[in-house]
Amino acid sequence: MRWHGVFRRWVLARHYRFAREALVPYFFDALSAYALELARLGVPQAGEAVRALRELRTLPLPSFTGQVEDVFFSIQAQLAEHWGEEVAGAVRRGLSRNDLDLTAFRAYLRDRVLALLGDFLRLRAVLLRVARAQAGVPLILHTHHRPAQPTTLDHYLLGIEGLLFRDYRRLVRALSTLDRCPLGASALAGSPYPVDRERLAALLGFSGPVENTLDAVASGDYALELAFALAGLGASLSRFLTDLLAFAERGAFVVGESLAQGSSFMPQKRNPVVLEHARIYAGRLTGGIGVLLALNHNTPFTDLNDHSTGVLEPLAGLLEDAEAVLELTRAALEESHFDPALLLVEFSPEVLASEAVDFLVRRGVPLGEAYRRVQGALPGVRPELLGVEREELLAWMGLEGFFARREVLGGVGPRARAETLGRARGRLREDQRALTALRARVRLARRLLGAQDLQPPKGQQAPQEERQVEGQEEA
């Protein structure tokens, strides 16, 4: 067929190039698993198709020439050319590009997410190491862009880690939706062959099949859920990076030389550009969800391209952006340092004004009256205007006492911070173990897929219904 040049350029060649670069192993895995299942059912030539696929996957796939429209038909053409039409046709019994494509797409995205989760865990581990190293270092936090209240650097970083922990779990939940296998769903209504879809899912390392066959190929929510999780991660990291840039502005966070750039005009400047570039990637994550929503919006439930082929490249780009922002943020934390003196440069009695209110209340002054008295004693919270002894007020309003009085769960008190750090480290270990198990399941399935015995159990015969359909037109 002679394809129109515009269609060839913007659709066929582009999709083929992406599939050839990223998806070929996943197509071979899915085709091999399906052929193995057909061989188990006794479909003629299916076992030979498995062997042919195993040999063919070791050879380079041709570039796009226009002779065939996609990677699947390229594989089929080579099977037919070198192993014959019967072998090439055997693997297509009941198979549609709908379930094949969606299986390859989900497997590819699953592996990308598993890799990304590893990057995410490394960032969380670095955050906890920095928090432990900076335990008790005081800093002044802002609300409404004004100095508000003191805390400690480790308390602040543990708060960030708590936010990222939830982003991590949201990404894991998105993975659990993604980690279901469409294979065997065929075009829409299911394969006419009695394939074991649970077994197909297990062969490919999925946690199970998508139950409804129409849902398996028509729904696009797995992509939306992943994009939403990545957008949330982008928002969280952007907030953290904005804080680091504010610290860097006053020299309280000094970016390492290997991550900073000088000015083309002002020789005195060393710019913390790693934080700015990381925030660019974070911004791209937050914007990516719009593309995925648009591709799903008003798409009939039986149409596939908008939310299958159409979402794959945008999702791959978002996963790359997520890897970039996680890695850049981690490098910034590892290669930079905080300046304790400059973190506390905005310290003044005013940031402990709430403590003066509490001091008066504990001495019997009604809260409203205490609040008005402290307001009237500003700036400096002058004790003579409060009617209290200077030494007594200063002893109460010291940073050490401020922190010590906040031993509530998750508070800034020394014991509370240590307990929070311990729980965070425990969650990290739990997530590391779970990720290791997920990766091991996929690796084991891939290894077993390549080692499956093609011989049926002794005495096993092809099912009667399969023998009856031999010779019918291929699906």
Protein backbone atom coordinates (compact mmCIF):
# COMPACT_ATOMS: atom_id res chain seq x y z
CA MET A 1 0.00 0.00 0.00
CA ARG A 2 1.21 3.50 -0.76
CA TRP A 3 0.57 5.64 2.31
CA HIS A 4 -0.17 9.35 2.04
CA GLY A 5 3.00 11.26 2.91
CA VAL A 6 1.39 13.29 5.68
CA PHE A 7 -0.14 10.20 7.31
CA ARG A 8 3.12 8.36 6.92
CA ARG A 9 5.13 11.14 8.58
CA TRP A 10 2.93 12.11 11.49
CA VAL A 11 1.31 8.76 12.36
CA LEU A 12 2.89 5.62 10.95
CA ALA A 13 6.58 6.54 11.00
CA ARG A 14 6.36 8.30 14.34
CA HIS A 15 4.52 5.48 16.12
CA TYR A 16 6.75 2.87 14.52
CA ARG A 17 9.88 4.71 15.63
CA PHE A 18 8.69 4.98 19.22
CA ALA A 19 7.62 1.34 19.31
CA ARG A 20 10.90 0.19 17.78
CA GLU A 21 12.91 2.16 20.34
CA ALA A 22 10.85 1.33 23.43
CA LEU A 23 8.32 -1.45 22.95
CA VAL A 24 9.82 -4.29 20.88
CA PRO A 25 10.75 -6.51 23.88
CA TYR A 26 7.24 -6.10 25.28
CA PHE A 27 5.62 -7.10 21.99
CA PHE A 28 7.78 -10.20 21.87
CA ASP A 29 6.95 -11.04 25.49
CA ALA A 30 3.21 -10.69 24.89
CA LEU A 31 3.28 -12.63 21.62
CA SER A 32 5.38 -15.38 23.19
CA ALA A 33 3.06 -15.69 26.19
CA TYR A 34 0.02 -15.89 23.93
CA ALA A 35 1.68 -18.47 21.67
CA LEU A 36 2.61 -20.53 24.73
CA GLU A 37 -1.00 -20.52 25.86
CA LEU A 38 -2.21 -21.56 22.40
CA ALA A 39 0.41 -24.33 22.40
CA ARG A 40 -0.93 -25.50 25.75
CA LEU A 41 -4.37 -25.68 24.14
CA GLY A 42 -2.96 -27.74 21.30
CA VAL A 43 -3.34 -25.18 18.53
CA PRO A 44 -1.26 -26.41 15.54
CA GLN A 45 2.03 -24.60 14.90
CA ALA A 46 1.71 -22.54 18.10
CA GLY A 47 4.72 -24.25 19.66
CA GLU A 48 6.75 -23.61 16.53
CA ALA A 49 5.61 -19.96 16.71
CA VAL A 50 7.04 -19.73 20.26
CA ARG A 51 10.41 -21.02 19.04
CA ALA A 52 10.32 -18.68 16.05
CA LEU A 53 9.56 -15.67 18.26
CA ARG A 54 12.42 -16.57 20.59
CA GLU A 55 14.83 -16.63 17.68
CA LEU A 56 13.42 -13.59 15.93
CA ARG A 57 13.67 -11.37 19.02
CA THR A 58 17.46 -11.74 18.95
CA LEU A 59 17.57 -10.05 15.52
CA PRO A 60 17.26 -6.31 14.90
CA LEU A 61 13.82 -5.17 13.84
CA PRO A 62 13.84 -3.30 10.49
CA SER A 63 13.33 0.45 10.48
CA PHE A 64 10.10 1.85 9.11
CA THR A 65 9.90 1.49 5.34
CA GLY A 66 6.19 1.87 4.72
CA GLN A 67 5.82 -1.76 3.71
CA VAL A 68 4.00 -2.52 6.96
CA GLU A 69 2.16 -0.11 9.20
CA ASP A 70 3.43 -0.99 12.67
CA VAL A 71 5.81 -3.13 14.70
CA PHE A 72 3.30 -5.96 15.13
CA PHE A 73 2.90 -6.40 11.38
CA SER A 74 6.67 -6.13 10.97
CA ILE A 75 7.10 -9.08 13.34
CA GLN A 76 4.33 -10.95 11.54
CA ALA A 77 5.93 -10.31 8.14
CA GLN A 78 9.25 -11.71 9.31
CA LEU A 79 7.60 -14.77 10.84
CA ALA A 80 5.79 -15.44 7.58
CA GLU A 81 8.90 -14.89 5.48
CA HIS A 82 11.24 -17.12 7.49
CA TRP A 83 8.93 -19.63 9.20
CA GLY A 84 5.92 -19.70 6.90
CA GLU A 85 2.36 -18.40 6.90
CA GLU A 86 1.06 -21.17 9.13
CA VAL A 87 3.50 -20.36 11.91
CA ALA A 88 2.86 -16.62 11.55
CA GLY A 89 -0.89 -17.20 11.56
CA ALA A 90 -0.87 -19.55 14.54
CA VAL A 91 0.01 -16.82 17.02
CA ARG A 92 -2.84 -14.64 15.72
CA ARG A 93 -5.62 -17.07 16.64
CA GLY A 94 -8.05 -14.92 18.63
CA LEU A 95 -5.45 -12.17 19.02
CA SER A 96 -6.18 -8.53 18.25
CA ARG A 97 -3.85 -5.57 18.13
CA ASN A 98 -6.19 -4.09 20.74
CA ASP A 99 -5.25 -6.48 23.54
CA LEU A 100 -1.71 -6.96 22.23
CA ASP A 101 -0.97 -3.23 22.09
CA LEU A 102 -2.49 -2.47 25.47
CA THR A 103 -0.55 -5.35 27.02
CA ALA A 104 2.73 -4.08 25.59
CA PHE A 105 1.91 -0.49 26.63
CA ARG A 106 1.05 -1.44 30.19
CA ALA A 107 4.11 -3.68 30.58
CA TYR A 108 6.37 -0.90 29.30
CA LEU A 109 4.83 1.69 31.62
CA ARG A 110 4.94 -0.75 34.54
CA ASP A 111 8.68 -1.20 34.13
CA ARG A 112 9.21 2.55 33.81
CA VAL A 113 7.23 3.18 36.99
CA LEU A 114 9.17 0.48 38.86
CA ALA A 115 12.41 2.22 37.87
CA LEU A 116 10.99 5.60 38.88
CA LEU A 117 9.97 4.29 42.29
CA GLY A 118 13.61 3.39 42.87
CA ASP A 119 14.63 6.98 42.12
CA PHE A 120 11.89 8.16 44.46
CA LEU A 121 13.10 5.96 47.32
CA ARG A 122 16.66 7.27 46.88
CA LEU A 123 15.43 10.85 47.26
CA ARG A 124 13.46 9.97 50.38
CA ALA A 125 16.51 8.21 51.83
CA VAL A 126 18.67 11.30 51.22
CA LEU A 127 16.05 13.53 52.81
CA LEU A 128 16.11 11.40 55.95
CA ARG A 129 19.91 11.34 56.04
CA VAL A 130 20.06 15.14 55.80
CA ALA A 131 17.36 15.45 58.45
CA ARG A 132 19.32 13.22 60.79
CA ALA A 133 22.55 15.14 60.14
CA GLN A 134 20.83 18.50 60.74
CA ALA A 135 18.91 17.48 63.86
CA GLY A 136 18.13 20.45 66.10
CA VAL A 137 19.40 23.16 63.71
CA PRO A 138 16.89 26.02 64.17
CA LEU A 139 15.34 28.01 61.34
CA ILE A 140 12.54 30.50 60.97
CA LEU A 141 9.53 29.51 58.92
CA HIS A 142 7.31 31.95 57.06
CA THR A 143 3.59 32.29 56.62
CA HIS A 144 2.19 34.84 54.18
CA HIS A 145 5.81 35.52 53.14
CA ARG A 146 6.63 36.91 56.59
CA PRO A 147 8.71 35.40 59.43
CA ALA A 148 6.26 33.41 61.55
CA GLN A 149 7.62 30.81 63.99
CA PRO A 150 10.79 28.86 64.66
CA THR A 151 11.24 25.17 64.01
CA THR A 152 14.24 22.96 63.30
CA LEU A 153 15.67 21.96 59.94
CA ASP A 154 15.08 18.27 60.59
CA HIS A 155 11.47 18.95 61.60
CA TYR A 156 10.97 20.83 58.32
CA LEU A 157 12.62 18.10 56.22
CA LEU A 158 10.60 15.38 57.96
CA GLY A 159 7.47 17.32 57.01
CA ILE A 160 8.61 17.32 53.37
CA GLU A 161 9.33 13.58 53.56
CA GLY A 162 5.85 12.97 54.94
CA LEU A 163 4.36 14.75 51.94
CA LEU A 164 6.57 12.81 49.52
CA PHE A 165 5.73 9.54 51.27
CA ARG A 166 2.08 10.09 50.37
CA ASP A 167 3.07 11.00 46.79
CA TYR A 168 5.01 7.74 46.68
CA ARG A 169 2.01 5.76 47.87
CA ARG A 170 -0.20 7.49 45.27
CA LEU A 171 2.25 6.41 42.59
CA VAL A 172 2.19 2.85 43.96
CA ARG A 173 -1.62 2.88 43.80
CA ALA A 174 -1.45 4.06 40.19
CA LEU A 175 0.93 1.20 39.50
CA SER A 176 -1.55 -1.28 41.00
CA THR A 177 -4.16 -0.12 38.46
CA LEU A 178 -1.63 -0.23 35.63
CA ASP A 179 -0.36 -3.65 36.67
CA ARG A 180 -3.24 -5.62 35.12
CA CYS A 181 -3.06 -7.57 31.87
CA PRO A 182 -5.43 -7.09 28.88
CA LEU A 183 -4.09 -10.08 26.92
CA GLY A 184 -6.81 -12.50 25.83
CA ALA A 185 -9.43 -9.75 25.63
CA SER A 186 -9.05 -9.82 21.83
CA ALA A 187 -10.74 -6.94 19.97
CA LEU A 188 -13.53 -6.19 22.45
CA ALA A 189 -15.57 -9.26 23.40
CA GLY A 190 -12.83 -11.72 24.33
CA SER A 191 -10.88 -14.45 22.58
CA PRO A 192 -12.88 -17.22 20.86
CA TYR A 193 -10.25 -19.65 22.20
CA PRO A 194 -10.45 -20.79 25.84
CA VAL A 195 -7.23 -19.09 26.86
CA ASP A 196 -6.43 -18.86 30.55
CA ARG A 197 -6.18 -15.10 31.07
CA GLU A 198 -4.91 -15.52 34.63
CA ARG A 199 -2.04 -17.62 33.27
CA LEU A 200 -1.32 -15.07 30.52
CA ALA A 201 -1.07 -12.34 33.16
CA ALA A 202 1.26 -14.46 35.31
CA LEU A 203 3.49 -15.29 32.34
CA LEU A 204 4.03 -11.56 31.80
CA GLY A 205 4.59 -10.68 35.45
CA PHE A 206 1.29 -8.83 35.94
CA SER A 207 -0.62 -9.05 39.19
CA GLY A 208 -3.66 -10.33 37.27
CA PRO A 209 -5.86 -9.66 34.24
CA VAL A 210 -8.28 -6.79 33.64
CA GLU A 211 -11.45 -8.81 34.17
CA ASN A 212 -13.93 -7.36 31.67
CA THR A 213 -12.60 -7.75 28.14
CA LEU A 214 -14.08 -4.47 26.92
CA ASP A 215 -12.69 -2.66 29.95
CA ALA A 216 -9.31 -4.27 29.25
CA VAL A 217 -8.92 -2.58 25.87
CA ALA A 218 -11.27 0.43 26.03
CA SER A 219 -10.57 2.10 29.37
CA GLY A 220 -7.88 4.74 29.66
CA ASP A 221 -8.07 5.45 33.37
CA TYR A 222 -4.80 3.65 34.10
CA ALA A 223 -3.03 6.42 32.17
CA LEU A 224 -5.04 9.16 33.87
CA GLU A 225 -4.32 7.78 37.33
CA LEU A 226 -0.62 7.64 36.59
CA ALA A 227 -0.63 11.20 35.24
CA PHE A 228 -2.52 12.45 38.31
CA ALA A 229 0.01 10.79 40.63
CA LEU A 230 2.89 12.37 38.70
CA ALA A 231 1.16 15.77 38.78
CA GLY A 232 0.84 15.53 42.56
CA LEU A 233 4.52 14.66 42.84
CA GLY A 234 5.38 17.64 40.65
CA ALA A 235 3.39 19.99 42.87
CA SER A 236 5.02 18.69 46.04
CA LEU A 237 8.56 18.91 44.71
CA SER A 238 7.93 22.35 43.25
CA ARG A 239 6.94 23.64 46.70
CA PHE A 240 10.06 22.13 48.26
CA LEU A 241 12.29 23.54 45.52
CA THR A 242 10.72 26.97 45.95
CA ASP A 243 11.66 26.86 49.64
CA LEU A 244 15.22 25.80 48.82
CA LEU A 245 15.50 28.69 46.38
CA ALA A 246 14.31 31.06 49.10
CA PHE A 247 16.97 29.67 51.46
CA ALA A 248 19.55 30.00 48.67
CA GLU A 249 18.53 33.61 48.08
CA ARG A 250 19.87 34.61 51.48
CA GLY A 251 22.78 32.14 51.38
CA ALA A 252 21.28 29.72 53.87
CA PHE A 253 21.36 26.90 51.30
CA VAL A 254 24.61 26.83 49.35
CA VAL A 255 24.38 24.81 46.15
CA GLY A 256 27.46 22.77 45.29
CA GLU A 257 29.84 24.12 42.67
CA SER A 258 29.09 21.26 40.28
CA LEU A 259 25.40 22.23 40.28
CA ALA A 260 25.73 26.02 40.05
CA GLN A 261 26.44 28.33 37.14
CA GLY A 262 28.06 31.72 36.95
CA SER A 263 26.75 34.84 35.31
CA SER A 264 27.70 35.90 31.79
CA PHE A 265 27.96 39.51 32.98
CA MET A 266 28.27 39.62 36.80
CA PRO A 267 31.42 37.78 37.94
CA GLN A 268 30.43 37.71 41.61
CA LYS A 269 27.41 35.46 41.06
CA ARG A 270 27.06 31.71 41.50
CA ASN A 271 23.49 30.86 40.60
CA PRO A 272 21.67 27.84 42.14
CA VAL A 273 20.38 26.80 38.73
CA VAL A 274 19.98 23.12 39.58
CA LEU A 275 16.96 24.08 41.68
CA GLU A 276 15.47 26.13 38.86
CA HIS A 277 15.92 23.38 36.29
CA ALA A 278 14.45 20.83 38.71
CA ARG A 279 11.45 23.10 39.18
CA ILE A 280 10.99 23.26 35.38
CA TYR A 281 10.62 19.49 35.30
CA ALA A 282 8.24 19.63 38.27
CA GLY A 283 6.15 22.19 36.40
CA ARG A 284 5.98 19.93 33.36
CA LEU A 285 4.64 17.16 35.58
CA THR A 286 1.82 19.36 36.85
CA GLY A 287 0.90 20.40 33.31
CA GLY A 288 0.96 16.93 31.80
CA ILE A 289 -2.38 15.86 33.21
CA GLY A 290 -4.18 18.23 30.84
CA VAL A 291 -2.98 16.29 27.81
CA LEU A 292 -4.15 12.98 29.26
CA LEU A 293 -7.55 14.39 30.20
CA ALA A 294 -8.02 15.82 26.72
CA LEU A 295 -7.16 12.50 25.09
CA ASN A 296 -9.81 10.72 27.18
CA HIS A 297 -12.46 13.44 27.02
CA ASN A 298 -15.38 12.62 24.69
CA THR A 299 -13.68 9.44 23.41
CA PRO A 300 -16.29 6.71 22.85
CA PHE A 301 -15.68 3.76 25.13
CA THR A 302 -15.15 1.44 22.17
CA ASP A 303 -12.50 3.63 20.53
CA LEU A 304 -8.90 3.06 21.47
CA ASN A 305 -6.33 5.21 19.70
CA ASP A 306 -6.94 8.45 21.61
CA HIS A 307 -6.24 6.92 25.00
CA SER A 308 -3.86 4.12 24.03
CA THR A 309 -1.41 4.97 21.28
CA GLY A 310 -2.08 8.66 21.86
CA VAL A 311 -1.19 8.66 25.55
CA LEU A 312 1.94 6.55 25.43
CA GLU A 313 4.42 9.18 24.26
CA PRO A 314 3.07 11.88 26.63
CA LEU A 315 3.25 9.43 29.53
CA ALA A 316 6.77 8.39 28.59
CA GLY A 317 7.73 12.08 28.57
CA LEU A 318 6.17 12.63 31.99
CA LEU A 319 8.02 9.65 33.43
CA GLU A 320 11.28 11.10 32.09
CA ASP A 321 10.42 14.48 33.63
CA ALA A 322 9.72 12.75 36.95
CA GLU A 323 13.05 10.96 36.83
CA ALA A 324 14.78 14.27 36.12
CA VAL A 325 13.22 16.20 39.00
CA LEU A 326 13.79 13.37 41.48
CA GLU A 327 17.43 12.97 40.47
CA LEU A 328 18.18 16.70 40.34
CA THR A 329 16.58 17.31 43.74
CA ARG A 330 18.50 14.40 45.25
CA ALA A 331 21.78 15.66 43.78
CA ALA A 332 21.09 19.15 45.11
CA LEU A 333 20.62 17.80 48.63
CA GLU A 334 23.69 15.57 48.44
CA GLU A 335 26.07 18.17 46.97
CA SER A 336 24.96 21.29 48.85
CA HIS A 337 24.92 22.44 52.45
CA PHE A 338 22.87 24.57 54.82
CA ASP A 339 24.32 27.54 56.71
CA PRO A 340 22.84 27.40 60.25
CA ALA A 341 23.57 31.05 61.01
CA LEU A 342 21.75 32.31 57.93
CA LEU A 343 18.81 29.98 58.51
CA LEU A 344 18.30 31.86 61.76
CA VAL A 345 19.09 35.36 60.49
CA GLU A 346 15.44 36.43 60.76
CA PHE A 347 15.19 35.42 64.41
CA SER A 348 13.78 38.13 66.65
CA PRO A 349 11.55 38.22 69.74
CA GLU A 350 8.57 38.80 67.44
CA VAL A 351 8.67 35.24 66.10
CA LEU A 352 8.14 34.07 69.69
CA ALA A 353 5.29 36.48 70.39
CA SER A 354 2.84 33.58 70.64
CA GLU A 355 4.96 32.23 73.49
CA ALA A 356 4.59 35.51 75.33
CA VAL A 357 0.81 35.18 74.98
CA ASP A 358 0.96 31.65 76.38
CA PHE A 359 3.23 32.84 79.21
CA LEU A 360 0.64 35.40 80.30
CA VAL A 361 -2.26 32.96 79.98
CA ARG A 362 -0.44 30.46 82.19
CA ARG A 363 -0.17 33.25 84.79
CA GLY A 364 -3.94 33.73 84.77
CA VAL A 365 -4.41 36.47 82.16
CA PRO A 366 -7.44 35.82 79.89
CA LEU A 367 -6.37 34.84 76.36
CA GLY A 368 -7.91 37.85 74.61
CA GLU A 369 -6.32 40.25 77.06
CA ALA A 370 -2.96 38.48 76.80
CA TYR A 371 -3.08 38.72 73.00
CA ARG A 372 -3.79 42.48 73.15
CA ARG A 373 -1.02 43.06 75.70
CA VAL A 374 1.58 41.32 73.56
CA GLN A 375 0.46 43.25 70.47
CA GLY A 376 0.91 46.46 72.44
CA ALA A 377 4.39 45.39 73.60
CA LEU A 378 5.71 45.03 70.03
CA PRO A 379 8.24 45.43 68.55
CA GLY A 380 10.60 43.44 70.72
CA VAL A 381 7.96 42.07 73.14
CA ARG A 382 9.03 44.56 75.83
CA PRO A 383 8.48 42.97 79.27
CA GLU A 384 7.84 46.29 81.00
CA LEU A 385 4.71 46.70 78.87
CA LEU A 386 3.54 43.25 79.81
CA GLY A 387 3.99 43.76 83.52
CA VAL A 388 6.41 40.81 83.96
CA GLU A 389 10.02 40.41 84.97
CA ARG A 390 12.47 40.60 82.04
CA GLU A 391 14.57 37.61 83.18
CA GLU A 392 11.49 35.46 83.70
CA LEU A 393 10.09 36.28 80.24
CA LEU A 394 13.43 35.74 78.48
CA ALA A 395 13.87 32.35 80.14
CA TRP A 396 10.44 31.30 78.93
CA MET A 397 10.92 32.59 75.38
CA GLY A 398 14.23 30.88 74.58
CA LEU A 399 14.41 28.57 71.56
CA GLU A 400 15.39 25.59 73.66
CA GLY A 401 12.33 25.96 75.83
CA PHE A 402 10.12 26.61 72.79
CA PHE A 403 11.18 23.30 71.26
CA ALA A 404 11.07 21.36 74.54
CA ARG A 405 7.44 22.33 75.17
CA ARG A 406 6.37 20.78 71.84
CA GLU A 407 6.73 17.09 72.49
CA VAL A 408 3.38 16.28 70.88
CA LEU A 409 3.14 13.62 68.18
CA GLY A 410 4.99 14.97 65.13
CA GLY A 411 6.02 18.13 66.95
CA VAL A 412 9.36 19.91 67.02
CA GLY A 413 10.36 18.62 70.43
CA PRO A 414 13.61 16.61 70.41
CA ARG A 415 11.96 13.34 71.42
CA ALA A 416 9.05 13.87 69.00
CA ARG A 417 11.45 14.56 66.13
CA ALA A 418 13.47 11.44 66.89
CA GLU A 419 10.31 9.33 66.95
CA THR A 420 9.10 10.84 63.66
CA LEU A 421 12.47 10.09 62.07
CA GLY A 422 12.28 6.50 63.30
CA ARG A 423 8.80 6.00 61.85
CA ALA A 424 9.83 7.59 58.53
CA ARG A 425 12.85 5.28 58.29
CA GLY A 426 10.59 2.32 59.01
CA ARG A 427 8.19 3.34 56.22
CA LEU A 428 11.13 3.71 53.87
CA ARG A 429 12.38 0.19 54.67
CA GLU A 430 8.87 -1.19 54.16
CA ASP A 431 8.59 0.53 50.77
CA GLN A 432 12.05 -0.69 49.76
CA ARG A 433 11.09 -4.29 50.56
CA ALA A 434 7.80 -4.00 48.66
CA LEU A 435 9.51 -2.54 45.60
CA THR A 436 12.16 -5.28 45.66
CA ALA A 437 9.38 -7.89 45.71
CA LEU A 438 7.56 -6.26 42.78
CA ARG A 439 10.71 -6.10 40.70
CA ALA A 440 11.56 -9.69 41.55
CA ARG A 441 8.12 -10.86 40.41
CA VAL A 442 8.55 -9.20 37.00
CA ARG A 443 12.12 -10.47 36.58
CA LEU A 444 11.12 -14.01 37.51
CA ALA A 445 8.20 -13.99 35.07
CA ARG A 446 10.43 -12.73 32.28
CA ARG A 447 13.02 -15.41 33.02
CA LEU A 448 10.42 -18.17 33.17
CA LEU A 449 8.74 -16.94 29.99
CA GLY A 450 11.94 -17.61 28.10
CA ALA A 451 12.33 -21.05 29.64
CA GLN A 452 8.79 -22.44 29.33
CA ASP A 453 8.66 -26.09 28.28
CA LEU A 454 6.72 -26.35 25.04
CA GLN A 455 5.90 -30.03 25.51
CA PRO A 456 2.36 -30.64 26.88
CA PRO A 457 2.07 -32.88 29.95
CA LYS A 458 2.12 -36.57 29.22
CA GLY A 459 -1.24 -37.78 27.94
CA GLN A 460 -2.60 -34.25 27.36
CA GLN A 461 -4.53 -33.86 24.11
CA ALA A 462 -5.72 -30.77 22.33
CA PRO A 463 -9.21 -29.87 23.53
CA GLN A 464 -11.99 -31.07 21.22
CA GLU A 465 -13.20 -27.55 20.50
CA GLU A 466 -9.69 -26.55 19.43
CA ARG A 467 -9.39 -29.46 17.02
CA GLN A 468 -12.72 -28.47 15.52
CA VAL A 469 -11.61 -24.90 14.74
CA GLU A 470 -8.42 -25.93 13.01
CA GLY A 471 -8.43 -24.64 9.46
CA GLN A 472 -10.89 -21.83 10.19
CA GLU A 473 -10.01 -18.32 9.10
CA GLU A 474 -7.44 -16.73 11.41
CA ALA A 475 -8.67 -14.07 13.76
